[in-house]
Each structure stands twice: as structure tokens, then as C-alpha cells.
Amino acid sequence: MEEARRYYGSIDVIIHSAAYYGGIGINKKEPATIFYKNIQMALNVFEAAKAHGVQKVLPIGSACAYPGKLTGDLKEEDFWEGKLHESVEAYGISKKIQQVGQQAYYNQYGITSNHLILTNLYGPYDVFNEYRSHVLSALIKKFTEATDTVYLWGDGSPIREFMYVDDAAEAITRTIAMDHDLQPINIGTGEGVSIRELASKIQKVTGFEGRVDWDTSMPNGVHRKVLDTTRMQQLFSWQPQVSLDEG
């Protein structure tokens, strides 16, 4: 923080987008580590902001923080309406707790904030190792490295939403000048695609001509996770520009 001050002067806003994350596998194997690391990062950021007089902190939230029982597109007013899906509980709750921290540090220290709930992101510099990657980058890795068969978890029926990283960055920057308001804002495309369809798209792009084997003994996760982006469009007068096929 002090080194940053020497280079850039006073710091007005911290965008906290760091996270320890991954797909269903890592959430099942390391729930305590995921919970601890993400909570600790958020606490460190808020404490640093308090110590150095930073005016605003923008911690990035996740669609995993929505209740697992919800059906249809996820709406902001339902954010606290139930238990998280067990497949992402530790990660999701660590993101959900950030909203509590945002309100607490505003009440006591006047640090302003907004609560952004981002959908699944992808793009350059994504994590492409199999253990830490999310589904889209994991599929790219599998299809580019396979010789005859690609093995995939579940049956391919879950519906997910994907947003190109440049669009996510644009949405975040539009939030910097907003007044303090912790009503969640969904950030996404509002468009869902099945994992099976996504795999087919990636198979085509990578030119893989082998066999795809779906292991239905492995978990699918929550059936549908797509954000209702009505509030984002109203607040920003904007929507993502990069389609999934283009991205």
C-alpha cells in the first residue's frame, strides 16, 4: 500500500477481485481452505483500506453466493432467501459474507461500496490447469490436449452463463463513481448455455475429432445458474458486447 502511494499518490478505490477458487472438484476437496483464504483476503483488504483512508472498496462477488434452491434466472431480491448449494457452499458463503463486511466498514469507518455479483468469467490469462480451472477453461484444456477421448463430468445438462473478461472489467469501472449502495447488482450476459452445448462449441473451435465420454456418476452441480441482469442494464445503460461464440 505504501509503495503504491509513492507511485500513484492517494488511493481512492480498491477493486478486490482476488480469490482462491476452482470447479466442483476443488470445492469438494478443499472447502476449509477456500473459506479461510477468501475470508482472510477480504478482511485484509478492508483493514488496509481503513488504515490508509481509502474512500471506497469494491469486492467482487459471485453467482455462487445465491441460494441453491432457486429456479429460473437469479434475481437480486432473492440473494438472502435460503441455503447455498452444497457443491459451492464454502466459496459462495465467503463471497456472501463480503456484503456484511461492506456494510460494517461503512457504518463504522465510512468506507463506501457496491456489491457486484459476477457470473462465470473467461478470457486471456484464465487458469488452465485442470485442478484450479472453471468449466470453460477446463474444457478448452481437455479438448486441446486430448488425442482420442475427452472425459467430462456429469451428463452435460446444467445451464451456465459465461461473460468475457473485458466486459466484466467495463462493468466494474462503471461502478467506481456510484454512490454507496449495497443492493446487489448482477453482472452478466443473462444468457444461459448447457455444458453439453458449451463442450460442443469448444470441440468445434479446437477441431477435436475424437470421442466425448460423459461420466454420469460424477456430480452436475446446481442445475441452472443464470443471472437476471435487468438492474445492471438500468443502472449502466449498457450490456456486454462480446458474444460467447466470439469470445
C-alpha atoms as a PDB file:
ATOM      1  CA  MET A   1       0.000   0.000   0.000  1.00  0.00           C
ATOM      2  CA  GLU A   2       2.751   2.499   0.924  1.00  0.00           C
ATOM      3  CA  GLU A   3       4.696   1.663  -2.242  1.00  0.00           C
ATOM      4  CA  ALA A   4       1.555   2.257  -4.290  1.00  0.00           C
ATOM      5  CA  ARG A   5       1.078   5.620  -2.611  1.00  0.00           C
ATOM      6  CA  ARG A   6       4.616   6.665  -3.530  1.00  0.00           C
ATOM      7  CA  TYR A   7       3.985   5.889  -7.196  1.00  0.00           C
ATOM      8  CA  TYR A   8       0.372   6.977  -7.570  1.00  0.00           C
ATOM      9  CA  GLY A   9      -0.415   9.322  -4.690  1.00  0.00           C
ATOM     10  CA  SER A  10      -3.541   8.803  -2.584  1.00  0.00           C
ATOM     11  CA  ILE A  11      -5.638   5.718  -3.251  1.00  0.00           C
ATOM     12  CA  ASP A  12      -9.348   6.399  -3.757  1.00  0.00           C
ATOM     13  CA  VAL A  13     -10.674   2.945  -4.661  1.00  0.00           C
ATOM     14  CA  ILE A  14      -9.594  -0.664  -4.165  1.00  0.00           C
ATOM     15  CA  ILE A  15     -11.100  -3.248  -6.519  1.00  0.00           C
ATOM     16  CA  HIS A  16     -10.743  -6.574  -4.720  1.00  0.00           C
ATOM     17  CA  SER A  17     -11.019  -9.299  -7.349  1.00  0.00           C
ATOM     18  CA  ALA A  18      -8.518 -11.809  -5.949  1.00  0.00           C
ATOM     19  CA  ALA A  19      -9.905 -15.222  -4.976  1.00  0.00           C
ATOM     20  CA  TYR A  20      -8.940 -18.835  -4.335  1.00  0.00           C
ATOM     21  CA  TYR A  21     -11.391 -20.808  -6.443  1.00  0.00           C
ATOM     22  CA  GLY A  22     -11.970 -23.657  -8.876  1.00  0.00           C
ATOM     23  CA  GLY A  23     -14.587 -26.088 -10.096  1.00  0.00           C
ATOM     24  CA  ILE A  24     -16.649 -28.704  -8.266  1.00  0.00           C
ATOM     25  CA  GLY A  25     -13.587 -30.866  -7.587  1.00  0.00           C
ATOM     26  CA  ILE A  26     -11.619 -28.290  -5.601  1.00  0.00           C
ATOM     27  CA  ASN A  27     -14.771 -27.152  -3.787  1.00  0.00           C
ATOM     28  CA  LYS A  28     -15.272 -30.729  -2.631  1.00  0.00           C
ATOM     29  CA  LYS A  29     -11.634 -31.358  -1.691  1.00  0.00           C
ATOM     30  CA  GLU A  30     -10.649 -28.015  -0.108  1.00  0.00           C
ATOM     31  CA  PRO A  31     -13.741 -26.331   1.378  1.00  0.00           C
ATOM     32  CA  ALA A  32     -11.938 -25.138   4.522  1.00  0.00           C
ATOM     33  CA  THR A  33      -9.005 -23.739   2.544  1.00  0.00           C
ATOM     34  CA  ILE A  34     -11.359 -21.957   0.144  1.00  0.00           C
ATOM     35  CA  PHE A  35     -13.353 -20.483   3.024  1.00  0.00           C
ATOM     36  CA  TYR A  36     -10.288 -19.389   5.008  1.00  0.00           C
ATOM     37  CA  LYS A  37      -8.286 -17.860   2.169  1.00  0.00           C
ATOM     38  CA  ASN A  38     -11.166 -15.874   0.697  1.00  0.00           C
ATOM     39  CA  ILE A  39     -12.410 -14.563   4.033  1.00  0.00           C
ATOM     40  CA  GLN A  40      -8.857 -13.636   5.043  1.00  0.00           C
ATOM     41  CA  MET A  41      -8.223 -11.764   1.782  1.00  0.00           C
ATOM     42  CA  ALA A  42     -11.405  -9.733   2.179  1.00  0.00           C
ATOM     43  CA  LEU A  43     -10.601  -8.875   5.797  1.00  0.00           C
ATOM     44  CA  ASN A  44      -7.061  -7.816   4.886  1.00  0.00           C
ATOM     45  CA  VAL A  45      -8.327  -5.549   2.120  1.00  0.00           C
ATOM     46  CA  PHE A  46     -10.874  -3.799   4.357  1.00  0.00           C
ATOM     47  CA  GLU A  47      -8.365  -3.406   7.178  1.00  0.00           C
ATOM     48  CA  ALA A  48      -5.815  -1.921   4.759  1.00  0.00           C
ATOM     49  CA  ALA A  49      -8.460   0.468   3.413  1.00  0.00           C
ATOM     50  CA  LYS A  50      -9.323   1.557   6.938  1.00  0.00           C
ATOM     51  CA  ALA A  51      -5.668   2.063   7.898  1.00  0.00           C
ATOM     52  CA  HIS A  52      -4.854   4.170   4.820  1.00  0.00           C
ATOM     53  CA  GLY A  53      -8.004   6.225   4.459  1.00  0.00           C
ATOM     54  CA  VAL A  54      -9.245   4.637   1.217  1.00  0.00           C
ATOM     55  CA  GLN A  55     -12.651   6.042   0.316  1.00  0.00           C
ATOM     56  CA  LYS A  56     -14.155   3.045  -1.480  1.00  0.00           C
ATOM     57  CA  VAL A  57     -13.703  -0.740  -1.683  1.00  0.00           C
ATOM     58  CA  LEU A  58     -15.279  -2.849  -4.428  1.00  0.00           C
ATOM     59  CA  PRO A  59     -15.048  -6.547  -3.532  1.00  0.00           C
ATOM     60  CA  ILE A  60     -16.157  -8.778  -6.389  1.00  0.00           C
ATOM     61  CA  GLY A  61     -18.981 -11.169  -5.535  1.00  0.00           C
ATOM     62  CA  SER A  62     -20.088 -14.377  -7.220  1.00  0.00           C
ATOM     63  CA  ALA A  63     -23.244 -16.051  -8.513  1.00  0.00           C
ATOM     64  CA  CYS A  64     -22.213 -18.995  -6.300  1.00  0.00           C
ATOM     65  CA  ALA A  65     -23.463 -16.939  -3.340  1.00  0.00           C
ATOM     66  CA  TYR A  66     -27.102 -17.304  -4.449  1.00  0.00           C
ATOM     67  CA  PRO A  67     -29.323 -19.890  -2.691  1.00  0.00           C
ATOM     68  CA  GLY A  68     -29.138 -23.301  -4.301  1.00  0.00           C
ATOM     69  CA  LYS A  69     -32.908 -23.846  -4.300  1.00  0.00           C
ATOM     70  CA  LEU A  70     -33.681 -21.015  -6.730  1.00  0.00           C
ATOM     71  CA  THR A  71     -35.050 -21.795 -10.174  1.00  0.00           C
ATOM     72  CA  GLY A  72     -35.135 -19.544 -13.211  1.00  0.00           C
ATOM     73  CA  ASP A  73     -32.883 -16.507 -13.606  1.00  0.00           C
ATOM     74  CA  LEU A  74     -31.307 -15.336 -10.338  1.00  0.00           C
ATOM     75  CA  LYS A  75     -32.748 -12.032  -9.084  1.00  0.00           C
ATOM     76  CA  GLU A  76     -31.027  -9.699  -6.619  1.00  0.00           C
ATOM     77  CA  GLU A  77     -34.004  -9.602  -4.240  1.00  0.00           C
ATOM     78  CA  ASP A  78     -33.568 -13.356  -3.623  1.00  0.00           C
ATOM     79  CA  PHE A  79     -29.905 -13.114  -2.604  1.00  0.00           C
ATOM     80  CA  TRP A  80     -30.553 -13.996   1.062  1.00  0.00           C
ATOM     81  CA  GLU A  81     -33.501 -16.338   0.518  1.00  0.00           C
ATOM     82  CA  GLY A  82     -32.002 -19.662   1.560  1.00  0.00           C
ATOM     83  CA  LYS A  83     -29.106 -22.073   1.854  1.00  0.00           C
ATOM     84  CA  LEU A  84     -26.350 -22.231  -0.760  1.00  0.00           C
ATOM     85  CA  HIS A  85     -25.874 -25.270  -2.978  1.00  0.00           C
ATOM     86  CA  GLU A  86     -23.626 -27.763  -1.197  1.00  0.00           C
ATOM     87  CA  SER A  87     -21.273 -28.053  -4.188  1.00  0.00           C
ATOM     88  CA  VAL A  88     -20.105 -24.418  -3.790  1.00  0.00           C
ATOM     89  CA  GLU A  89     -21.131 -23.615  -0.211  1.00  0.00           C
ATOM     90  CA  ALA A  90     -17.704 -22.691   1.209  1.00  0.00           C
ATOM     91  CA  TYR A  91     -16.774 -20.452  -1.720  1.00  0.00           C
ATOM     92  CA  GLY A  92     -20.221 -18.918  -2.047  1.00  0.00           C
ATOM     93  CA  ILE A  93     -20.575 -18.052   1.621  1.00  0.00           C
ATOM     94  CA  SER A  94     -17.126 -16.427   1.660  1.00  0.00           C
ATOM     95  CA  LYS A  95     -18.372 -14.112  -1.085  1.00  0.00           C
ATOM     96  CA  LYS A  96     -21.719 -13.560   0.611  1.00  0.00           C
ATOM     97  CA  ILE A  97     -20.040 -12.524   3.860  1.00  0.00           C
ATOM     98  CA  GLN A  98     -18.292  -9.730   1.966  1.00  0.00           C
ATOM     99  CA  GLN A  99     -21.620  -7.895   1.788  1.00  0.00           C
ATOM    100  CA  VAL A 100     -21.865  -7.996   5.580  1.00  0.00           C
ATOM    101  CA  GLY A 101     -18.300  -6.655   5.796  1.00  0.00           C
ATOM    102  CA  GLN A 102     -19.102  -3.887   3.334  1.00  0.00           C
ATOM    103  CA  GLN A 103     -21.976  -2.673   5.496  1.00  0.00           C
ATOM    104  CA  ALA A 104     -19.961  -2.981   8.719  1.00  0.00           C
ATOM    105  CA  TYR A 105     -16.986  -0.969   7.436  1.00  0.00           C
ATOM    106  CA  TYR A 106     -19.330   1.653   6.007  1.00  0.00           C
ATOM    107  CA  ASN A 107     -21.215   2.010   9.295  1.00  0.00           C
ATOM    108  CA  GLN A 108     -18.069   2.290  11.415  1.00  0.00           C
ATOM    109  CA  TYR A 109     -15.457   3.852   9.110  1.00  0.00           C
ATOM    110  CA  GLY A 110     -17.426   5.409   6.247  1.00  0.00           C
ATOM    111  CA  ILE A 111     -15.852   3.211   3.545  1.00  0.00           C
ATOM    112  CA  THR A 112     -18.304   3.224   0.655  1.00  0.00           C
ATOM    113  CA  SER A 113     -19.006   0.234  -1.553  1.00  0.00           C
ATOM    114  CA  ASN A 114     -21.280  -1.544  -4.016  1.00  0.00           C
ATOM    115  CA  HIS A 115     -21.961  -5.260  -4.183  1.00  0.00           C
ATOM    116  CA  LEU A 116     -21.339  -6.737  -7.632  1.00  0.00           C
ATOM    117  CA  ILE A 117     -22.348 -10.349  -8.307  1.00  0.00           C
ATOM    118  CA  LEU A 118     -20.414 -11.638 -11.297  1.00  0.00           C
ATOM    119  CA  THR A 119     -21.252 -14.639 -13.409  1.00  0.00           C
ATOM    120  CA  ASN A 120     -18.599 -17.082 -14.725  1.00  0.00           C
ATOM    121  CA  LEU A 121     -15.767 -15.239 -16.456  1.00  0.00           C
ATOM    122  CA  TYR A 122     -13.359 -16.390 -19.149  1.00  0.00           C
ATOM    123  CA  GLY A 123     -10.681 -14.927 -21.393  1.00  0.00           C
ATOM    124  CA  PRO A 124      -6.925 -14.343 -21.669  1.00  0.00           C
ATOM    125  CA  TYR A 125      -4.820 -15.248 -18.598  1.00  0.00           C
ATOM    126  CA  ASP A 126      -7.517 -17.576 -17.265  1.00  0.00           C
ATOM    127  CA  VAL A 127      -6.446 -20.537 -15.121  1.00  0.00           C
ATOM    128  CA  PHE A 128      -5.918 -23.530 -17.400  1.00  0.00           C
ATOM    129  CA  ASN A 129      -4.591 -26.155 -15.023  1.00  0.00           C
ATOM    130  CA  GLU A 130      -7.169 -28.872 -14.525  1.00  0.00           C
ATOM    131  CA  TYR A 131      -7.367 -28.633 -10.728  1.00  0.00           C
ATOM    132  CA  ARG A 132      -7.980 -24.885 -10.389  1.00  0.00           C
ATOM    133  CA  SER A 133      -9.822 -24.100 -13.617  1.00  0.00           C
ATOM    134  CA  HIS A 134     -13.504 -23.333 -14.036  1.00  0.00           C
ATOM    135  CA  VAL A 135     -15.554 -25.307 -16.523  1.00  0.00           C
ATOM    136  CA  LEU A 136     -14.914 -23.284 -19.684  1.00  0.00           C
ATOM    137  CA  SER A 137     -11.131 -23.142 -19.367  1.00  0.00           C
ATOM    138  CA  ALA A 138     -11.105 -26.767 -18.165  1.00  0.00           C
ATOM    139  CA  LEU A 139     -12.939 -27.813 -21.342  1.00  0.00           C
ATOM    140  CA  ILE A 140     -10.510 -25.870 -23.534  1.00  0.00           C
ATOM    141  CA  LYS A 141      -7.602 -27.645 -21.854  1.00  0.00           C
ATOM    142  CA  LYS A 142      -9.209 -31.073 -22.232  1.00  0.00           C
ATOM    143  CA  PHE A 143     -10.083 -30.659 -25.909  1.00  0.00           C
ATOM    144  CA  THR A 144      -6.726 -29.165 -26.901  1.00  0.00           C
ATOM    145  CA  GLU A 145      -4.702 -31.851 -25.134  1.00  0.00           C
ATOM    146  CA  ALA A 146      -6.796 -34.986 -25.847  1.00  0.00           C
ATOM    147  CA  THR A 147      -5.788 -37.447 -28.552  1.00  0.00           C
ATOM    148  CA  ASP A 148      -8.790 -39.766 -28.866  1.00  0.00           C
ATOM    149  CA  THR A 149     -11.291 -39.306 -25.986  1.00  0.00           C
ATOM    150  CA  VAL A 150     -12.362 -36.383 -23.785  1.00  0.00           C
ATOM    151  CA  TYR A 151     -13.808 -37.401 -20.416  1.00  0.00           C
ATOM    152  CA  LEU A 152     -16.308 -34.948 -18.906  1.00  0.00           C
ATOM    153  CA  TRP A 153     -18.182 -34.884 -15.587  1.00  0.00           C
ATOM    154  CA  GLY A 154     -21.955 -35.276 -15.288  1.00  0.00           C
ATOM    155  CA  ASP A 155     -24.445 -35.504 -18.121  1.00  0.00           C
ATOM    156  CA  GLY A 156     -23.938 -32.044 -19.639  1.00  0.00           C
ATOM    157  CA  SER A 157     -27.441 -30.804 -18.747  1.00  0.00           C
ATOM    158  CA  PRO A 158     -26.601 -27.967 -16.266  1.00  0.00           C
ATOM    159  CA  ILE A 159     -27.146 -24.457 -17.620  1.00  0.00           C
ATOM    160  CA  ARG A 160     -24.428 -21.873 -17.028  1.00  0.00           C
ATOM    161  CA  GLU A 161     -23.712 -18.298 -18.074  1.00  0.00           C
ATOM    162  CA  PHE A 162     -20.353 -17.007 -19.309  1.00  0.00           C
ATOM    163  CA  MET A 163     -19.034 -13.464 -19.644  1.00  0.00           C
ATOM    164  CA  TYR A 164     -15.885 -12.305 -21.421  1.00  0.00           C
ATOM    165  CA  VAL A 165     -13.404 -10.710 -19.029  1.00  0.00           C
ATOM    166  CA  ASP A 166     -13.214  -7.372 -20.893  1.00  0.00           C
ATOM    167  CA  ASP A 167     -16.968  -6.912 -20.456  1.00  0.00           C
ATOM    168  CA  ALA A 168     -16.642  -7.682 -16.743  1.00  0.00           C
ATOM    169  CA  ALA A 169     -13.897  -5.052 -16.402  1.00  0.00           C
ATOM    170  CA  GLU A 170     -16.084  -2.498 -18.174  1.00  0.00           C
ATOM    171  CA  ALA A 171     -18.970  -3.159 -15.774  1.00  0.00           C
ATOM    172  CA  ILE A 172     -16.709  -2.832 -12.746  1.00  0.00           C
ATOM    173  CA  THR A 173     -15.295   0.504 -13.905  1.00  0.00           C
ATOM    174  CA  ARG A 174     -18.828   1.836 -14.369  1.00  0.00           C
ATOM    175  CA  THR A 175     -19.435   1.142 -10.683  1.00  0.00           C
ATOM    176  CA  ILE A 176     -16.500   3.158  -9.326  1.00  0.00           C
ATOM    177  CA  ALA A 177     -18.311   6.520  -9.405  1.00  0.00           C
ATOM    178  CA  MET A 178     -21.583   5.185  -7.949  1.00  0.00           C
ATOM    179  CA  ASP A 179     -22.795   6.212  -4.504  1.00  0.00           C
ATOM    180  CA  HIS A 180     -22.691   3.731  -1.636  1.00  0.00           C
ATOM    181  CA  ASP A 181     -25.425   1.160  -2.220  1.00  0.00           C
ATOM    182  CA  LEU A 182     -25.226  -2.472  -1.145  1.00  0.00           C
ATOM    183  CA  GLN A 183     -28.277  -3.715  -3.004  1.00  0.00           C
ATOM    184  CA  PRO A 184     -26.648  -6.416  -5.155  1.00  0.00           C
ATOM    185  CA  ILE A 185     -26.052  -5.802  -8.848  1.00  0.00           C
ATOM    186  CA  ASN A 186     -25.923  -8.849 -11.106  1.00  0.00           C
ATOM    187  CA  ILE A 187     -23.157  -8.578 -13.700  1.00  0.00           C
ATOM    188  CA  GLY A 188     -23.526 -10.982 -16.607  1.00  0.00           C
ATOM    189  CA  THR A 189     -24.972 -11.622 -20.028  1.00  0.00           C
ATOM    190  CA  GLY A 190     -28.302 -13.041 -18.870  1.00  0.00           C
ATOM    191  CA  GLU A 191     -27.889 -15.851 -21.421  1.00  0.00           C
ATOM    192  CA  GLY A 192     -27.546 -19.493 -20.435  1.00  0.00           C
ATOM    193  CA  VAL A 193     -25.923 -22.379 -22.278  1.00  0.00           C
ATOM    194  CA  SER A 194     -25.850 -26.055 -21.335  1.00  0.00           C
ATOM    195  CA  ILE A 195     -22.495 -27.610 -20.522  1.00  0.00           C
ATOM    196  CA  ARG A 196     -23.119 -30.121 -23.297  1.00  0.00           C
ATOM    197  CA  GLU A 197     -23.651 -27.301 -25.809  1.00  0.00           C
ATOM    198  CA  LEU A 198     -20.578 -25.467 -24.488  1.00  0.00           C
ATOM    199  CA  ALA A 199     -18.494 -28.615 -24.923  1.00  0.00           C
ATOM    200  CA  SER A 200     -19.753 -28.918 -28.482  1.00  0.00           C
ATOM    201  CA  LYS A 201     -18.754 -25.317 -29.246  1.00  0.00           C
ATOM    202  CA  ILE A 202     -15.268 -25.839 -27.846  1.00  0.00           C
ATOM    203  CA  GLN A 203     -14.902 -29.167 -29.651  1.00  0.00           C
ATOM    204  CA  LYS A 204     -15.679 -27.387 -32.925  1.00  0.00           C
ATOM    205  CA  VAL A 205     -13.339 -24.450 -32.288  1.00  0.00           C
ATOM    206  CA  THR A 206     -10.434 -26.702 -31.282  1.00  0.00           C
ATOM    207  CA  GLY A 207     -11.006 -29.100 -34.158  1.00  0.00           C
ATOM    208  CA  PHE A 208     -11.169 -32.167 -31.903  1.00  0.00           C
ATOM    209  CA  GLU A 209     -12.463 -35.180 -33.851  1.00  0.00           C
ATOM    210  CA  GLY A 210     -12.362 -37.851 -31.148  1.00  0.00           C
ATOM    211  CA  ARG A 211     -14.982 -39.206 -28.756  1.00  0.00           C
ATOM    212  CA  VAL A 212     -16.631 -37.349 -25.844  1.00  0.00           C
ATOM    213  CA  ASP A 213     -17.427 -39.543 -22.840  1.00  0.00           C
ATOM    214  CA  TRP A 214     -19.804 -38.135 -20.182  1.00  0.00           C
ATOM    215  CA  ASP A 215     -19.285 -39.687 -16.717  1.00  0.00           C
ATOM    216  CA  THR A 216     -22.788 -39.547 -15.204  1.00  0.00           C
ATOM    217  CA  SER A 217     -21.520 -40.927 -11.892  1.00  0.00           C
ATOM    218  CA  MET A 218     -19.898 -37.523 -11.249  1.00  0.00           C
ATOM    219  CA  PRO A 219     -21.890 -34.536  -9.931  1.00  0.00           C
ATOM    220  CA  ASN A 220     -23.563 -31.950 -12.143  1.00  0.00           C
ATOM    221  CA  GLY A 221     -23.796 -29.196  -9.532  1.00  0.00           C
ATOM    222  CA  VAL A 222     -26.785 -26.862  -9.386  1.00  0.00           C
ATOM    223  CA  HIS A 223     -28.984 -27.321 -12.470  1.00  0.00           C
ATOM    224  CA  ARG A 224     -29.250 -23.688 -13.602  1.00  0.00           C
ATOM    225  CA  LYS A 225     -27.165 -20.640 -12.763  1.00  0.00           C
ATOM    226  CA  VAL A 226     -28.044 -17.622 -14.927  1.00  0.00           C
ATOM    227  CA  LEU A 227     -28.317 -14.034 -13.689  1.00  0.00           C
ATOM    228  CA  ASP A 228     -31.212 -11.654 -14.250  1.00  0.00           C
ATOM    229  CA  THR A 229     -29.344  -8.561 -15.496  1.00  0.00           C
ATOM    230  CA  THR A 230     -32.268  -6.113 -15.590  1.00  0.00           C
ATOM    231  CA  ARG A 231     -30.870  -3.931 -12.793  1.00  0.00           C
ATOM    232  CA  MET A 232     -27.403  -3.787 -14.387  1.00  0.00           C
ATOM    233  CA  GLN A 233     -28.882  -2.607 -17.693  1.00  0.00           C
ATOM    234  CA  GLN A 234     -30.980   0.039 -15.922  1.00  0.00           C
ATOM    235  CA  LEU A 235     -28.089   1.393 -13.834  1.00  0.00           C
ATOM    236  CA  PHE A 236     -25.386   1.323 -16.511  1.00  0.00           C
ATOM    237  CA  SER A 237     -27.452   1.735 -19.705  1.00  0.00           C
ATOM    238  CA  TRP A 238     -25.116  -0.947 -21.018  1.00  0.00           C
ATOM    239  CA  GLN A 239     -24.873  -4.643 -21.704  1.00  0.00           C
ATOM    240  CA  PRO A 240     -21.943  -6.959 -22.528  1.00  0.00           C
ATOM    241  CA  GLN A 241     -20.577  -6.624 -26.044  1.00  0.00           C
ATOM    242  CA  VAL A 242     -18.769  -9.955 -26.625  1.00  0.00           C
ATOM    243  CA  SER A 243     -20.886 -12.977 -27.503  1.00  0.00           C
ATOM    244  CA  LEU A 244     -19.904 -16.443 -26.300  1.00  0.00           C
ATOM    245  CA  ASP A 245     -19.089 -17.597 -29.845  1.00  0.00           C
ATOM    246  CA  GLU A 246     -16.908 -14.544 -30.474  1.00  0.00           C
ATOM    247  CA  GLY A 247     -15.217 -14.795 -27.090  1.00  0.00           C
END
